[in-house]
């Protein structure tokens, strides 16, 4: 328990929680493992999967853990318009997302062009830009045939 493989990397969730200053509990390890093994999961899905694994966990405990993990950089929170917040284990690489307008599926996409930040605004208004958060909208391969009048 606590070792999750994602994107070819094995994560020792308990050690990473400890290193980030968190007390290691079965619920916290299960929440972190669930996010890392999932695909842009919302809070209810995380809670359901953790319950399947451990038995009992409140949605509030999942919210609190995810908020803390996001603040510590262990997970990333994304909020596609019209969708509940979703969480992913891919952090620190300034990647972007493709969102299906029909089914809501979210897919990672690497930087558009160049080094982070991938895009530079035409006018930065004096900001020192260190990250770009881009969301591309369209139809995923499963929904696309239903949308194409071919």
Protein backbone atom coordinates (compact mmCIF):
# COMPACT_ATOMS: atom_id res chain seq x y z
CA UNK A 1 0.00 0.00 0.00
CA UNK A 2 1.24 3.46 -0.84
CA UNK A 3 3.31 2.64 -3.92
CA UNK A 4 1.60 3.81 -7.09
CA UNK A 5 2.93 3.75 -10.60
CA UNK A 6 1.86 6.55 -12.93
CA UNK A 7 3.51 7.75 -16.14
CA UNK A 8 6.27 5.20 -15.57
CA UNK A 9 7.19 6.55 -12.12
CA UNK A 10 6.71 4.65 -8.89
CA UNK A 11 5.58 6.88 -6.05
CA UNK A 12 5.96 6.02 -2.38
CA UNK A 13 2.96 7.97 -1.17
CA UNK A 14 3.67 7.48 2.53
CA UNK A 15 7.23 8.80 2.17
CA UNK A 16 6.05 11.76 0.07
CA UNK A 17 3.35 12.64 2.60
CA UNK A 18 5.90 12.48 5.40
CA UNK A 19 8.37 14.63 3.43
CA UNK A 20 5.62 17.21 2.82
CA UNK A 21 4.96 17.43 6.57
CA UNK A 22 1.78 15.35 6.72
CA UNK A 23 1.01 12.69 9.30
CA UNK A 24 0.71 9.43 7.37
CA UNK A 25 -2.69 7.79 7.71
CA UNK A 26 -4.33 5.02 5.71
CA UNK A 27 -6.93 7.50 4.42
CA UNK A 28 -4.35 10.04 3.25
CA UNK A 29 -2.28 7.38 1.49
CA UNK A 30 -5.42 5.97 -0.16
CA UNK A 31 -6.54 9.44 -1.30
CA UNK A 32 -3.15 10.26 -2.80
CA UNK A 33 -2.87 6.83 -4.43
CA UNK A 34 -6.39 7.14 -5.85
CA UNK A 35 -5.71 10.51 -7.44
CA UNK A 36 -2.43 9.30 -8.90
CA UNK A 37 -3.91 6.13 -10.35
CA UNK A 38 -7.03 7.90 -11.66
CA UNK A 39 -7.72 10.18 -14.56
CA UNK A 40 -8.68 13.73 -13.53
CA UNK A 41 -11.05 12.56 -10.80
CA UNK A 42 -13.65 14.67 -9.02
CA UNK A 43 -13.99 14.58 -5.22
CA UNK A 44 -16.99 12.22 -5.22
CA UNK A 45 -15.13 9.69 -7.36
CA UNK A 46 -12.04 9.90 -5.15
CA UNK A 47 -14.21 9.39 -2.05
CA UNK A 48 -16.02 6.44 -3.59
CA UNK A 49 -12.79 4.70 -4.62
CA UNK A 50 -11.21 5.31 -1.23
CA UNK A 51 -14.32 3.86 0.45
CA UNK A 52 -14.01 0.78 -1.78
CA UNK A 53 -10.43 0.42 -0.56
CA UNK A 54 -10.77 1.31 3.13
CA UNK A 55 -14.42 1.13 4.01
CA UNK A 56 -15.20 4.47 5.58
CA UNK A 57 -14.11 8.01 4.67
CA UNK A 58 -16.14 11.19 4.64
CA UNK A 59 -16.36 13.44 1.60
CA UNK A 60 -15.29 16.32 3.88
CA UNK A 61 -12.09 14.44 4.82
CA UNK A 62 -11.36 13.90 1.12
CA UNK A 63 -11.96 17.61 0.37
CA UNK A 64 -9.64 18.64 3.19
CA UNK A 65 -6.90 16.22 2.17
CA UNK A 66 -7.08 17.22 -1.50
CA UNK A 67 -6.93 20.90 -0.56
CA UNK A 68 -3.86 20.29 1.59
CA UNK A 69 -2.21 18.07 -1.04
CA UNK A 70 -2.80 20.73 -3.69
CA UNK A 71 -1.20 23.36 -1.47
CA UNK A 72 1.80 21.09 -0.90
CA UNK A 73 2.19 20.41 -4.62
CA UNK A 74 1.41 16.69 -4.35
CA UNK A 75 -1.64 16.92 -6.63
CA UNK A 76 -2.99 19.46 -9.09
CA UNK A 77 -6.52 20.85 -9.11
CA UNK A 78 -8.12 21.82 -12.40
CA UNK A 79 -11.55 23.37 -12.90
CA UNK A 80 -12.82 23.12 -16.46
CA UNK A 81 -15.76 25.50 -16.95
CA UNK A 82 -19.08 23.85 -16.15
CA UNK A 83 -17.39 20.91 -14.43
CA UNK A 84 -16.64 20.12 -10.80
CA UNK A 85 -13.04 20.51 -9.66
CA UNK A 86 -10.88 17.58 -10.69
CA UNK A 87 -7.60 16.34 -9.32
CA UNK A 88 -4.58 14.71 -10.92
CA UNK A 89 -1.21 13.42 -9.82
CA UNK A 90 0.73 14.98 -12.70
CA UNK A 91 2.32 18.06 -11.15
CA UNK A 92 5.20 20.41 -11.78
CA UNK A 93 5.44 20.16 -15.54
CA UNK A 94 3.10 22.95 -16.71
CA UNK A 95 1.06 20.67 -18.97
CA UNK A 96 -2.37 21.58 -20.31
CA UNK A 97 -5.71 19.86 -20.91
CA UNK A 98 -8.11 18.85 -23.64
CA UNK A 99 -11.76 18.73 -22.47
CA UNK A 100 -14.58 17.04 -24.38
CA UNK A 101 -17.65 19.26 -24.67
CA UNK A 102 -19.94 16.22 -24.91
CA UNK A 103 -18.82 13.79 -22.18
CA UNK A 104 -16.47 15.94 -20.08
CA UNK A 105 -13.46 13.64 -20.54
CA UNK A 106 -10.18 15.39 -19.70
CA UNK A 107 -6.90 14.47 -21.40
CA UNK A 108 -3.42 15.79 -20.67
CA UNK A 109 -1.50 17.55 -23.42
CA UNK A 110 2.12 18.56 -23.08
CA UNK A 111 3.28 22.14 -23.54
CA UNK A 112 2.10 23.72 -26.74
CA UNK A 113 5.41 25.20 -27.86
CA UNK A 114 8.69 25.99 -26.16
CA UNK A 115 9.66 25.92 -22.53
CA UNK A 116 7.54 26.78 -19.50
CA UNK A 117 5.62 28.94 -19.54
CA UNK A 118 4.43 27.50 -22.82
CA UNK A 119 2.76 30.67 -23.93
CA UNK A 120 3.59 34.29 -23.35
CA UNK A 121 0.83 36.88 -23.25
CA UNK A 122 0.95 39.63 -25.86
CA UNK A 123 0.90 42.12 -22.98
CA UNK A 124 2.02 40.98 -19.51
CA UNK A 125 0.80 44.09 -17.60
CA UNK A 126 3.97 43.96 -15.54
CA UNK A 127 3.46 40.41 -14.29
CA UNK A 128 6.33 37.96 -14.07
CA UNK A 129 4.64 34.97 -15.76
CA UNK A 130 5.79 31.57 -14.47
CA UNK A 131 2.97 29.28 -15.57
CA UNK A 132 0.39 29.01 -18.33
CA UNK A 133 -2.90 27.18 -17.74
CA UNK A 134 -4.46 26.39 -21.10
CA UNK A 135 -7.63 24.40 -21.69
CA UNK A 136 -8.50 23.24 -25.18
CA UNK A 137 -12.16 22.39 -25.82
CA UNK A 138 -13.55 20.04 -28.45
CA UNK A 139 -14.87 16.51 -28.84
CA UNK A 140 -12.98 13.39 -27.79
CA UNK A 141 -12.56 10.47 -30.24
CA UNK A 142 -15.54 8.61 -28.67
CA UNK A 143 -17.90 11.59 -28.97
CA UNK A 144 -16.60 12.99 -32.22
CA UNK A 145 -18.45 10.62 -34.58
CA UNK A 146 -21.75 11.63 -32.96
CA UNK A 147 -20.89 15.29 -33.58
CA UNK A 148 -19.63 14.92 -37.17
CA UNK A 149 -22.41 14.93 -39.78
CA UNK A 150 -20.47 12.57 -42.08
